[in-house]
Amino acid sequence: MNKVILMGRLTRDPDIRHSQGENATVIARYTLAVDRRFKQDGADQTADFISMVSFGRQAEFIEKYVHKGTKLVISGRIQTGSYTNRDGQKVYTTDVVGEEVEFAESKSVAELPFA
């Protein structure tokens, strides 16, 4: 089983692209800052920055309603891949594919300066 559930805030506005061809689809790439559950000794709470991608309806939702700082709950799966860069080196990738995307707070809370 490959299942991931994350809650965090977008670190910047999502990168939206539209694929070409007969079955054109929307692709949203974004980074989610997810707070770690426990603090390290004497350190402030830290976060992990998770590379995310969503397709189709979820990507359209993200394009329309989501921006930097939006707090989301996302369930999905981990996906690995690889490609060869311009220098001929093989690059390995790991992304979480966001299959279900929901707001984690109301809009009024998200607009408060201390949220």
PDB file of N, CA and C in Angstrom:
ATOM      1  N   MET A   1       0.842  -1.180   0.000  1.00  0.00           N
ATOM      2  CA  MET A   1       0.000   0.000   0.000  1.00  0.00           C
ATOM      3  C   MET A   1       0.886   1.242   0.000  1.00  0.00           C
ATOM      4  N   ASN A   2       0.501   2.215  -0.792  1.00  0.00           N
ATOM      5  CA  ASN A   2       1.246   3.462  -0.932  1.00  0.00           C
ATOM      6  C   ASN A   2       0.269   4.602  -0.658  1.00  0.00           C
ATOM      7  N   LYS A   3       0.216   5.076   0.600  1.00  0.00           N
ATOM      8  CA  LYS A   3      -0.748   6.106   1.012  1.00  0.00           C
ATOM      9  C   LYS A   3      -0.047   7.133   1.876  1.00  0.00           C
ATOM     10  N   VAL A   4      -0.259   8.409   1.563  1.00  0.00           N
ATOM     11  CA  VAL A   4       0.345   9.508   2.301  1.00  0.00           C
ATOM     12  C   VAL A   4      -0.760  10.491   2.664  1.00  0.00           C
ATOM     13  N   ILE A   5      -0.753  10.990   3.910  1.00  0.00           N
ATOM     14  CA  ILE A   5      -1.668  12.048   4.324  1.00  0.00           C
ATOM     15  C   ILE A   5      -0.826  13.151   4.957  1.00  0.00           C
ATOM     16  N   LEU A   6      -0.949  14.361   4.426  1.00  0.00           N
ATOM     17  CA  LEU A   6      -0.141  15.490   4.884  1.00  0.00           C
ATOM     18  C   LEU A   6      -1.030  16.701   5.160  1.00  0.00           C
ATOM     19  N   MET A   7      -0.598  17.520   6.130  1.00  0.00           N
ATOM     20  CA  MET A   7      -1.236  18.808   6.369  1.00  0.00           C
ATOM     21  C   MET A   7      -0.127  19.848   6.468  1.00  0.00           C
ATOM     22  N   GLY A   8      -0.255  20.902   5.681  1.00  0.00           N
ATOM     23  CA  GLY A   8       0.760  21.946   5.711  1.00  0.00           C
ATOM     24  C   GLY A   8       0.356  23.123   4.861  1.00  0.00           C
ATOM     25  N   ARG A   9       1.272  24.072   4.734  1.00  0.00           N
ATOM     26  CA  ARG A   9       1.021  25.307   3.977  1.00  0.00           C
ATOM     27  C   ARG A   9       1.906  25.364   2.737  1.00  0.00           C
ATOM     28  N   LEU A  10       1.350  25.948   1.673  1.00  0.00           N
ATOM     29  CA  LEU A  10       2.121  26.140   0.458  1.00  0.00           C
ATOM     30  C   LEU A  10       3.213  27.173   0.697  1.00  0.00           C
ATOM     31  N   THR A  11       4.409  26.890   0.222  1.00  0.00           N
ATOM     32  CA  THR A  11       5.535  27.792   0.414  1.00  0.00           C
ATOM     33  C   THR A  11       5.558  28.918  -0.620  1.00  0.00           C
ATOM     34  N   ARG A  12       4.882  28.720  -1.738  1.00  0.00           N
ATOM     35  CA  ARG A  12       4.766  29.741  -2.788  1.00  0.00           C
ATOM     36  C   ARG A  12       3.554  29.379  -3.647  1.00  0.00           C
ATOM     37  N   ASP A  13       3.168  30.275  -4.534  1.00  0.00           N
ATOM     38  CA  ASP A  13       2.048  29.985  -5.426  1.00  0.00           C
ATOM     39  C   ASP A  13       2.376  28.757  -6.280  1.00  0.00           C
ATOM     40  N   PRO A  14       1.370  27.935  -6.566  1.00  0.00           N
ATOM     41  CA  PRO A  14       1.633  26.722  -7.352  1.00  0.00           C
ATOM     42  C   PRO A  14       2.039  27.047  -8.783  1.00  0.00           C
ATOM     43  N   ASP A  15       2.843  26.157  -9.363  1.00  0.00           N
ATOM     44  CA  ASP A  15       3.249  26.245 -10.767  1.00  0.00           C
ATOM     45  C   ASP A  15       2.221  25.440 -11.563  1.00  0.00           C
ATOM     46  N   ILE A  16       1.466  26.110 -12.413  1.00  0.00           N
ATOM     47  CA  ILE A  16       0.392  25.468 -13.166  1.00  0.00           C
ATOM     48  C   ILE A  16       0.810  25.333 -14.622  1.00  0.00           C
ATOM     49  N   ARG A  17       0.619  24.131 -15.162  1.00  0.00           N
ATOM     50  CA  ARG A  17       0.902  23.884 -16.579  1.00  0.00           C
ATOM     51  C   ARG A  17      -0.265  23.129 -17.186  1.00  0.00           C
ATOM     52  N   HIS A  18      -0.394  23.248 -18.479  1.00  0.00           N
ATOM     53  CA  HIS A  18      -1.447  22.548 -19.207  1.00  0.00           C
ATOM     54  C   HIS A  18      -0.774  21.649 -20.235  1.00  0.00           C
ATOM     55  N   SER A  19      -1.048  20.346 -20.163  1.00  0.00           N
ATOM     56  CA  SER A  19      -0.436  19.415 -21.110  1.00  0.00           C
ATOM     57  C   SER A  19      -1.073  19.601 -22.485  1.00  0.00           C
ATOM     58  N   GLN A  20      -0.382  19.148 -23.501  1.00  0.00           N
ATOM     59  CA  GLN A  20      -0.847  19.268 -24.882  1.00  0.00           C
ATOM     60  C   GLN A  20      -1.433  17.931 -25.342  1.00  0.00           C
ATOM     61  N   GLY A  21      -2.151  17.971 -26.441  1.00  0.00           N
ATOM     62  CA  GLY A  21      -2.643  16.739 -27.037  1.00  0.00           C
ATOM     63  C   GLY A  21      -4.130  16.539 -26.857  1.00  0.00           C
ATOM     64  N   GLU A  22      -4.603  15.354 -27.271  1.00  0.00           N
ATOM     65  CA  GLU A  22      -6.023  15.011 -27.213  1.00  0.00           C
ATOM     66  C   GLU A  22      -6.573  15.048 -25.803  1.00  0.00           C
ATOM     67  N   ASN A  23      -5.864  14.442 -24.886  1.00  0.00           N
ATOM     68  CA  ASN A  23      -6.315  14.365 -23.496  1.00  0.00           C
ATOM     69  C   ASN A  23      -5.580  15.384 -22.637  1.00  0.00           C
ATOM     70  N   ALA A  24      -5.651  16.654 -23.048  1.00  0.00           N
ATOM     71  CA  ALA A  24      -4.959  17.719 -22.315  1.00  0.00           C
ATOM     72  C   ALA A  24      -5.464  17.767 -20.875  1.00  0.00           C
ATOM     73  N   THR A  25      -4.548  17.957 -19.955  1.00  0.00           N
ATOM     74  CA  THR A  25      -4.898  18.006 -18.534  1.00  0.00           C
ATOM     75  C   THR A  25      -4.108  19.109 -17.843  1.00  0.00           C
ATOM     76  N   VAL A  26      -4.592  19.538 -16.701  1.00  0.00           N
ATOM     77  CA  VAL A  26      -3.909  20.548 -15.902  1.00  0.00           C
ATOM     78  C   VAL A  26      -2.969  19.833 -14.934  1.00  0.00           C
ATOM     79  N   ILE A  27      -1.761  20.384 -14.770  1.00  0.00           N
ATOM     80  CA  ILE A  27      -0.759  19.833 -13.850  1.00  0.00           C
ATOM     81  C   ILE A  27      -0.344  20.944 -12.895  1.00  0.00           C
ATOM     82  N   ALA A  28      -0.451  20.687 -11.592  1.00  0.00           N
ATOM     83  CA  ALA A  28      -0.064  21.676 -10.579  1.00  0.00           C
ATOM     84  C   ALA A  28       1.118  21.121  -9.789  1.00  0.00           C
ATOM     85  N   ARG A  29       2.194  21.875  -9.736  1.00  0.00           N
ATOM     86  CA  ARG A  29       3.356  21.517  -8.913  1.00  0.00           C
ATOM     87  C   ARG A  29       3.484  22.559  -7.815  1.00  0.00           C
ATOM     88  N   TYR A  30       3.733  22.084  -6.591  1.00  0.00           N
ATOM     89  CA  TYR A  30       3.808  22.989  -5.447  1.00  0.00           C
ATOM     90  C   TYR A  30       4.592  22.312  -4.337  1.00  0.00           C
ATOM     91  N   THR A  31       4.996  23.105  -3.355  1.00  0.00           N
ATOM     92  CA  THR A  31       5.732  22.595  -2.207  1.00  0.00           C
ATOM     93  C   THR A  31       4.910  22.848  -0.964  1.00  0.00           C
ATOM     94  N   LEU A  32       4.790  21.817  -0.137  1.00  0.00           N
ATOM     95  CA  LEU A  32       4.017  21.889   1.094  1.00  0.00           C
ATOM     96  C   LEU A  32       4.980  21.864   2.280  1.00  0.00           C
ATOM     97  N   ALA A  33       4.904  22.878   3.143  1.00  0.00           N
ATOM     98  CA  ALA A  33       5.708  22.908   4.372  1.00  0.00           C
ATOM     99  C   ALA A  33       4.897  22.200   5.456  1.00  0.00           C
ATOM    100  N   VAL A  34       5.411  21.073   5.918  1.00  0.00           N
ATOM    101  CA  VAL A  34       4.717  20.244   6.908  1.00  0.00           C
ATOM    102  C   VAL A  34       5.514  20.277   8.204  1.00  0.00           C
ATOM    103  N   ASP A  35       4.898  20.829   9.263  1.00  0.00           N
ATOM    104  CA  ASP A  35       5.584  20.885  10.556  1.00  0.00           C
ATOM    105  C   ASP A  35       5.859  19.481  11.072  1.00  0.00           C
ATOM    106  N   ARG A  36       7.050  19.319  11.649  1.00  0.00           N
ATOM    107  CA  ARG A  36       7.351  18.052  12.308  1.00  0.00           C
ATOM    108  C   ARG A  36       6.586  17.982  13.614  1.00  0.00           C
ATOM    109  N   ARG A  37       6.255  16.792  14.017  1.00  0.00           N
ATOM    110  CA  ARG A  37       5.395  16.612  15.186  1.00  0.00           C
ATOM    111  C   ARG A  37       6.094  17.000  16.486  1.00  0.00           C
ATOM    112  N   PHE A  38       7.379  16.720  16.583  1.00  0.00           N
ATOM    113  CA  PHE A  38       8.103  16.970  17.827  1.00  0.00           C
ATOM    114  C   PHE A  38       9.248  17.923  17.570  1.00  0.00           C
ATOM    115  N   LYS A  39       9.558  18.725  18.586  1.00  0.00           N
ATOM    116  CA  LYS A  39      10.685  19.654  18.506  1.00  0.00           C
ATOM    117  C   LYS A  39      11.973  18.932  18.882  1.00  0.00           C
ATOM    118  N   GLN A  40      13.070  19.358  18.278  1.00  0.00           N
ATOM    119  CA  GLN A  40      14.392  18.891  18.668  1.00  0.00           C
ATOM    120  C   GLN A  40      14.752  19.582  19.980  1.00  0.00           C
ATOM    121  N   ASP A  41      15.654  19.034  20.738  1.00  0.00           N
ATOM    122  CA  ASP A  41      16.056  19.638  22.011  1.00  0.00           C
ATOM    123  C   ASP A  41      16.518  21.071  21.812  1.00  0.00           C
ATOM    124  N   GLY A  42      15.798  22.023  22.424  1.00  0.00           N
ATOM    125  CA  GLY A  42      16.180  23.432  22.403  1.00  0.00           C
ATOM    126  C   GLY A  42      15.975  24.151  21.086  1.00  0.00           C
ATOM    127  N   ALA A  43      15.466  23.471  20.069  1.00  0.00           N
ATOM    128  CA  ALA A  43      15.296  24.104  18.760  1.00  0.00           C
ATOM    129  C   ALA A  43      13.832  24.450  18.518  1.00  0.00           C
ATOM    130  N   ASP A  44      13.633  25.431  17.660  1.00  0.00           N
ATOM    131  CA  ASP A  44      12.267  25.746  17.247  1.00  0.00           C
ATOM    132  C   ASP A  44      11.715  24.577  16.443  1.00  0.00           C
ATOM    133  N   GLN A  45      10.390  24.512  16.370  1.00  0.00           N
ATOM    134  CA  GLN A  45       9.768  23.454  15.583  1.00  0.00           C
ATOM    135  C   GLN A  45      10.223  23.582  14.139  1.00  0.00           C
ATOM    136  N   THR A  46      10.584  22.487  13.530  1.00  0.00           N
ATOM    137  CA  THR A  46      11.062  22.503  12.153  1.00  0.00           C
ATOM    138  C   THR A  46      10.003  21.918  11.229  1.00  0.00           C
ATOM    139  N   ALA A  47      10.202  22.102   9.946  1.00  0.00           N
ATOM    140  CA  ALA A  47       9.255  21.619   8.944  1.00  0.00           C
ATOM    141  C   ALA A  47      10.000  20.843   7.870  1.00  0.00           C
ATOM    142  N   ASP A  48       9.280  19.950   7.241  1.00  0.00           N
ATOM    143  CA  ASP A  48       9.772  19.271   6.049  1.00  0.00           C
ATOM    144  C   ASP A  48       9.089  19.927   4.852  1.00  0.00           C
ATOM    145  N   PHE A  49       9.812  20.067   3.754  1.00  0.00           N
ATOM    146  CA  PHE A  49       9.291  20.704   2.552  1.00  0.00           C
ATOM    147  C   PHE A  49       9.103  19.619   1.498  1.00  0.00           C
ATOM    148  N   ILE A  50       7.839  19.298   1.249  1.00  0.00           N
ATOM    149  CA  ILE A  50       7.481  18.146   0.431  1.00  0.00           C
ATOM    150  C   ILE A  50       7.103  18.605  -0.977  1.00  0.00           C
ATOM    151  N   SER A  51       7.754  18.022  -1.994  1.00  0.00           N
ATOM    152  CA  SER A  51       7.411  18.303  -3.393  1.00  0.00           C
ATOM    153  C   SER A  51       6.125  17.574  -3.742  1.00  0.00           C
ATOM    154  N   MET A  52       5.164  18.329  -4.260  1.00  0.00           N
ATOM    155  CA  MET A  52       3.844  17.797  -4.551  1.00  0.00           C
ATOM    156  C   MET A  52       3.495  18.010  -6.026  1.00  0.00           C
ATOM    157  N   VAL A  53       2.629  17.143  -6.542  1.00  0.00           N
ATOM    158  CA  VAL A  53       2.077  17.315  -7.885  1.00  0.00           C
ATOM    159  C   VAL A  53       0.644  16.799  -7.872  1.00  0.00           C
ATOM    160  N   SER A  54      -0.231  17.525  -8.559  1.00  0.00           N
ATOM    161  CA  SER A  54      -1.625  17.101  -8.707  1.00  0.00           C
ATOM    162  C   SER A  54      -2.010  17.240 -10.168  1.00  0.00           C
ATOM    163  N   PHE A  55      -2.959  16.411 -10.584  1.00  0.00           N
ATOM    164  CA  PHE A  55      -3.391  16.379 -11.974  1.00  0.00           C
ATOM    165  C   PHE A  55      -4.908  16.554 -12.056  1.00  0.00           C
ATOM    166  N   GLY A  56      -5.390  16.963 -13.231  1.00  0.00           N
ATOM    167  CA  GLY A  56      -6.814  16.970 -13.516  1.00  0.00           C
ATOM    168  C   GLY A  56      -7.624  17.874 -12.609  1.00  0.00           C
ATOM    169  N   ARG A  57      -8.725  17.327 -12.054  1.00  0.00           N
ATOM    170  CA  ARG A  57      -9.639  18.120 -11.226  1.00  0.00           C
ATOM    171  C   ARG A  57      -8.955  18.723 -10.015  1.00  0.00           C
ATOM    172  N   GLN A  58      -8.072  17.955  -9.365  1.00  0.00           N
ATOM    173  CA  GLN A  58      -7.380  18.486  -8.195  1.00  0.00           C
ATOM    174  C   GLN A  58      -6.488  19.663  -8.595  1.00  0.00           C
ATOM    175  N   ALA A  59      -5.812  19.553  -9.732  1.00  0.00           N
ATOM    176  CA  ALA A  59      -4.954  20.639 -10.214  1.00  0.00           C
ATOM    177  C   ALA A  59      -5.781  21.869 -10.583  1.00  0.00           C
ATOM    178  N   GLU A  60      -6.963  21.664 -11.156  1.00  0.00           N
ATOM    179  CA  GLU A  60      -7.842  22.788 -11.472  1.00  0.00           C
ATOM    180  C   GLU A  60      -8.303  23.492 -10.195  1.00  0.00           C
ATOM    181  N   PHE A  61      -8.630  22.719  -9.162  1.00  0.00           N
ATOM    182  CA  PHE A  61      -9.003  23.285  -7.859  1.00  0.00           C
ATOM    183  C   PHE A  61      -7.853  24.126  -7.304  1.00  0.00           C
ATOM    184  N   ILE A  62      -6.644  23.579  -7.360  1.00  0.00           N
ATOM    185  CA  ILE A  62      -5.463  24.284  -6.849  1.00  0.00           C
ATOM    186  C   ILE A  62      -5.225  25.569  -7.642  1.00  0.00           C
ATOM    187  N   GLU A  63      -5.348  25.483  -8.965  1.00  0.00           N
ATOM    188  CA  GLU A  63      -5.144  26.662  -9.809  1.00  0.00           C
ATOM    189  C   GLU A  63      -6.120  27.776  -9.443  1.00  0.00           C
ATOM    190  N   LYS A  64      -7.363  27.418  -9.147  1.00  0.00           N
ATOM    191  CA  LYS A  64      -8.416  28.404  -8.915  1.00  0.00           C
ATOM    192  C   LYS A  64      -8.415  28.976  -7.499  1.00  0.00           C
ATOM    193  N   TYR A  65      -8.140  28.141  -6.488  1.00  0.00           N
ATOM    194  CA  TYR A  65      -8.385  28.552  -5.101  1.00  0.00           C
ATOM    195  C   TYR A  65      -7.169  28.603  -4.175  1.00  0.00           C
ATOM    196  N   VAL A  66      -6.032  28.064  -4.593  1.00  0.00           N
ATOM    197  CA  VAL A  66      -4.910  27.889  -3.670  1.00  0.00           C
ATOM    198  C   VAL A  66      -3.773  28.840  -4.030  1.00  0.00           C
ATOM    199  N   HIS A  67      -3.141  29.420  -2.993  1.00  0.00           N
ATOM    200  CA  HIS A  67      -2.018  30.330  -3.197  1.00  0.00           C
ATOM    201  C   HIS A  67      -1.034  30.167  -2.027  1.00  0.00           C
ATOM    202  N   LYS A  68       0.063  30.883  -2.095  1.00  0.00           N
ATOM    203  CA  LYS A  68       1.075  30.830  -1.043  1.00  0.00           C
ATOM    204  C   LYS A  68       0.422  31.042   0.325  1.00  0.00           C
ATOM    205  N   GLY A  69       0.777  30.166   1.285  1.00  0.00           N
ATOM    206  CA  GLY A  69       0.274  30.286   2.644  1.00  0.00           C
ATOM    207  C   GLY A  69      -0.995  29.513   2.927  1.00  0.00           C
ATOM    208  N   THR A  70      -1.684  29.023   1.893  1.00  0.00           N
ATOM    209  CA  THR A  70      -2.919  28.268   2.097  1.00  0.00           C
ATOM    210  C   THR A  70      -2.607  26.960   2.824  1.00  0.00           C
ATOM    211  N   LYS A  71      -3.387  26.673   3.859  1.00  0.00           N
ATOM    212  CA  LYS A  71      -3.210  25.444   4.626  1.00  0.00           C
ATOM    213  C   LYS A  71      -4.126  24.361   4.057  1.00  0.00           C
ATOM    214  N   LEU A  72      -3.533  23.234   3.671  1.00  0.00           N
ATOM    215  CA  LEU A  72      -4.258  22.150   3.029  1.00  0.00           C
ATOM    216  C   LEU A  72      -4.052  20.830   3.754  1.00  0.00           C
ATOM    217  N   VAL A  73      -5.022  19.929   3.589  1.00  0.00           N
ATOM    218  CA  VAL A  73      -4.868  18.520   3.943  1.00  0.00           C
ATOM    219  C   VAL A  73      -4.918  17.765   2.629  1.00  0.00           C
ATOM    220  N   ILE A  74      -3.893  16.961   2.387  1.00  0.00           N
ATOM    221  CA  ILE A  74      -3.775  16.256   1.111  1.00  0.00           C
ATOM    222  C   ILE A  74      -3.529  14.782   1.378  1.00  0.00           C
ATOM    223  N   SER A  75      -4.263  13.943   0.679  1.00  0.00           N
ATOM    224  CA  SER A  75      -3.950  12.515   0.705  1.00  0.00           C
ATOM    225  C   SER A  75      -3.565  12.115  -0.712  1.00  0.00           C
ATOM    226  N   GLY A  76      -2.647  11.172  -0.784  1.00  0.00           N
ATOM    227  CA  GLY A  76      -2.158  10.748  -2.087  1.00  0.00           C
ATOM    228  C   GLY A  76      -1.177   9.608  -1.960  1.00  0.00           C
ATOM    229  N   ARG A  77      -0.190   9.608  -2.846  1.00  0.00           N
ATOM    230  CA  ARG A  77       0.795   8.516  -2.885  1.00  0.00           C
ATOM    231  C   ARG A  77       2.165   9.059  -3.263  1.00  0.00           C
ATOM    232  N   ILE A  78       3.189   8.322  -2.887  1.00  0.00           N
ATOM    233  CA  ILE A  78       4.559   8.690  -3.255  1.00  0.00           C
ATOM    234  C   ILE A  78       4.847   8.126  -4.641  1.00  0.00           C
ATOM    235  N   GLN A  79       5.497   8.950  -5.460  1.00  0.00           N
ATOM    236  CA  GLN A  79       5.866   8.521  -6.801  1.00  0.00           C
ATOM    237  C   GLN A  79       7.324   8.880  -7.049  1.00  0.00           C
ATOM    238  N   THR A  80       8.091   7.925  -7.524  1.00  0.00           N
ATOM    239  CA  THR A  80       9.496   8.174  -7.851  1.00  0.00           C
ATOM    240  C   THR A  80       9.663   8.152  -9.361  1.00  0.00           C
ATOM    241  N   GLY A  81      10.698   8.816  -9.817  1.00  0.00           N
ATOM    242  CA  GLY A  81      10.983   8.848 -11.249  1.00  0.00           C
ATOM    243  C   GLY A  81      12.419   9.272 -11.487  1.00  0.00           C
ATOM    244  N   SER A  82      12.781   9.358 -12.743  1.00  0.00           N
ATOM    245  CA  SER A  82      14.126   9.812 -13.093  1.00  0.00           C
ATOM    246  C   SER A  82      14.105  10.399 -14.502  1.00  0.00           C
ATOM    247  N   TYR A  83      15.097  11.251 -14.758  1.00  0.00           N
ATOM    248  CA  TYR A  83      15.280  11.814 -16.083  1.00  0.00           C
ATOM    249  C   TYR A  83      16.751  12.151 -16.242  1.00  0.00           C
ATOM    250  N   THR A  84      17.186  12.391 -17.480  1.00  0.00           N
ATOM    251  CA  THR A  84      18.560  12.787 -17.754  1.00  0.00           C
ATOM    252  C   THR A  84      18.570  14.289 -18.021  1.00  0.00           C
ATOM    253  N   ASN A  85      19.395  15.017 -17.242  1.00  0.00           N
ATOM    254  CA  ASN A  85      19.419  16.477 -17.392  1.00  0.00           C
ATOM    255  C   ASN A  85      20.272  16.884 -18.601  1.00  0.00           C
ATOM    256  N   ARG A  86      20.397  18.178 -18.804  1.00  0.00           N
ATOM    257  CA  ARG A  86      21.133  18.700 -19.967  1.00  0.00           C
ATOM    258  C   ARG A  86      22.605  18.325 -19.952  1.00  0.00           C
ATOM    259  N   ASP A  87      23.157  18.068 -18.742  1.00  0.00           N
ATOM    260  CA  ASP A  87      24.566  17.695 -18.626  1.00  0.00           C
ATOM    261  C   ASP A  87      24.771  16.194 -18.794  1.00  0.00           C
ATOM    262  N   GLY A  88      23.699  15.466 -19.098  1.00  0.00           N
ATOM    263  CA  GLY A  88      23.805  14.019 -19.287  1.00  0.00           C
ATOM    264  C   GLY A  88      23.796  13.226 -17.988  1.00  0.00           C
ATOM    265  N   GLN A  89      23.509  13.866 -16.876  1.00  0.00           N
ATOM    266  CA  GLN A  89      23.468  13.169 -15.590  1.00  0.00           C
ATOM    267  C   GLN A  89      22.052  12.707 -15.297  1.00  0.00           C
ATOM    268  N   LYS A  90      21.948  11.525 -14.704  1.00  0.00           N
ATOM    269  CA  LYS A  90      20.646  10.994 -14.324  1.00  0.00           C
ATOM    270  C   LYS A  90      20.212  11.638 -13.008  1.00  0.00           C
ATOM    271  N   VAL A  91      18.989  12.174 -12.978  1.00  0.00           N
ATOM    272  CA  VAL A  91      18.434  12.833 -11.806  1.00  0.00           C
ATOM    273  C   VAL A  91      17.237  12.015 -11.329  1.00  0.00           C
ATOM    274  N   TYR A  92      17.228  11.695 -10.039  1.00  0.00           N
ATOM    275  CA  TYR A  92      16.127  10.924  -9.454  1.00  0.00           C
ATOM    276  C   TYR A  92      15.190  11.872  -8.719  1.00  0.00           C
ATOM    277  N   THR A  93      13.878  11.631  -8.847  1.00  0.00           N
ATOM    278  CA  THR A  93      12.880  12.494  -8.231  1.00  0.00           C
ATOM    279  C   THR A  93      11.963  11.686  -7.319  1.00  0.00           C
ATOM    280  N   THR A  94      11.455  12.363  -6.297  1.00  0.00           N
ATOM    281  CA  THR A  94      10.424  11.807  -5.429  1.00  0.00           C
ATOM    282  C   THR A  94       9.397  12.895  -5.191  1.00  0.00           C
ATOM    283  N   ASP A  95       8.154  12.611  -5.542  1.00  0.00           N
ATOM    284  CA  ASP A  95       7.043  13.553  -5.360  1.00  0.00           C
ATOM    285  C   ASP A  95       5.911  12.830  -4.645  1.00  0.00           C
ATOM    286  N   VAL A  96       5.069  13.608  -3.986  1.00  0.00           N
ATOM    287  CA  VAL A  96       3.802  13.083  -3.488  1.00  0.00           C
ATOM    288  C   VAL A  96       2.741  13.533  -4.482  1.00  0.00           C
ATOM    289  N   VAL A  97       1.993  12.573  -5.026  1.00  0.00           N
ATOM    290  CA  VAL A  97       0.895  12.879  -5.935  1.00  0.00           C
ATOM    291  C   VAL A  97      -0.343  13.138  -5.088  1.00  0.00           C
ATOM    292  N   GLY A  98      -0.817  14.378  -5.086  1.00  0.00           N
ATOM    293  CA  GLY A  98      -1.994  14.759  -4.310  1.00  0.00           C
ATOM    294  C   GLY A  98      -3.257  14.340  -5.035  1.00  0.00           C
ATOM    295  N   GLU A  99      -3.917  13.313  -4.499  1.00  0.00           N
ATOM    296  CA  GLU A  99      -5.123  12.791  -5.139  1.00  0.00           C
ATOM    297  C   GLU A  99      -6.401  13.373  -4.542  1.00  0.00           C
ATOM    298  N   GLU A 100      -6.363  13.764  -3.261  1.00  0.00           N
ATOM    299  CA  GLU A 100      -7.492  14.419  -2.606  1.00  0.00           C
ATOM    300  C   GLU A 100      -6.944  15.657  -1.911  1.00  0.00           C
ATOM    301  N   VAL A 101      -7.514  16.811  -2.225  1.00  0.00           N
ATOM    302  CA  VAL A 101      -7.028  18.086  -1.701  1.00  0.00           C
ATOM    303  C   VAL A 101      -8.186  18.809  -1.025  1.00  0.00           C
ATOM    304  N   GLU A 102      -7.984  19.212   0.237  1.00  0.00           N
ATOM    305  CA  GLU A 102      -9.018  19.928   0.984  1.00  0.00           C
ATOM    306  C   GLU A 102      -8.396  21.075   1.766  1.00  0.00           C
ATOM    307  N   PHE A 103      -9.197  22.128   1.991  1.00  0.00           N
ATOM    308  CA  PHE A 103      -8.749  23.214   2.852  1.00  0.00           C
ATOM    309  C   PHE A 103      -8.669  22.720   4.291  1.00  0.00           C
ATOM    310  N   ALA A 104      -7.674  23.194   5.038  1.00  0.00           N
ATOM    311  CA  ALA A 104      -7.508  22.800   6.441  1.00  0.00           C
ATOM    312  C   ALA A 104      -7.994  23.884   7.394  1.00  0.00           C
ATOM    313  N   GLU A 105      -8.414  25.033   6.860  1.00  0.00           N
ATOM    314  CA  GLU A 105      -8.938  26.107   7.692  1.00  0.00           C
ATOM    315  C   GLU A 105      -9.865  26.963   6.845  1.00  0.00           C
ATOM    316  N   SER A 106     -10.706  27.734   7.528  1.00  0.00           N
ATOM    317  CA  SER A 106     -11.626  28.593   6.785  1.00  0.00           C
ATOM    318  C   SER A 106     -10.877  29.754   6.163  1.00  0.00           C
ATOM    319  N   LYS A 107     -11.471  30.342   5.145  1.00  0.00           N
ATOM    320  CA  LYS A 107     -10.847  31.465   4.452  1.00  0.00           C
ATOM    321  C   LYS A 107     -10.606  32.631   5.398  1.00  0.00           C
ATOM    322  N   SER A 108     -11.537  32.907   6.305  1.00  0.00           N
ATOM    323  CA  SER A 108     -11.390  34.041   7.219  1.00  0.00           C
ATOM    324  C   SER A 108     -10.184  33.855   8.128  1.00  0.00           C
ATOM    325  N   VAL A 109      -9.920  32.625   8.565  1.00  0.00           N
ATOM    326  CA  VAL A 109      -8.743  32.359   9.399  1.00  0.00           C
ATOM    327  C   VAL A 109      -7.469  32.542   8.587  1.00  0.00           C
ATOM    328  N   ALA A 110      -7.480  32.087   7.353  1.00  0.00           N
ATOM    329  CA  ALA A 110      -6.289  32.180   6.501  1.00  0.00           C
ATOM    330  C   ALA A 110      -5.894  33.618   6.208  1.00  0.00           C
ATOM    331  N   GLU A 111      -6.840  34.545   6.259  1.00  0.00           N
ATOM    332  CA  GLU A 111      -6.545  35.938   5.941  1.00  0.00           C
ATOM    333  C   GLU A 111      -6.049  36.727   7.145  1.00  0.00           C
ATOM    334  N   LEU A 112      -6.109  36.161   8.336  1.00  0.00           N
ATOM    335  CA  LEU A 112      -5.625  36.875   9.511  1.00  0.00           C
ATOM    336  C   LEU A 112      -4.114  37.003   9.462  1.00  0.00           C
ATOM    337  N   PRO A 113      -3.548  38.108   9.914  1.00  0.00           N
ATOM    338  CA  PRO A 113      -2.109  38.323   9.789  1.00  0.00           C
ATOM    339  C   PRO A 113      -1.277  37.369  10.642  1.00  0.00           C
ATOM    340  N   PHE A 114      -1.842  36.790  11.683  1.00  0.00           N
ATOM    341  CA  PHE A 114      -1.071  35.894  12.558  1.00  0.00           C
ATOM    342  C   PHE A 114      -1.265  34.432  12.217  1.00  0.00           C
ATOM    343  N   ALA A 115      -2.056  34.086  11.212  1.00  0.00           N
ATOM    344  CA  ALA A 115      -2.341  32.690  10.854  1.00  0.00           C
ATOM    345  C   ALA A 115      -1.152  32.044  10.202  1.00  0.00           C
TER     346      ALA A 115
END
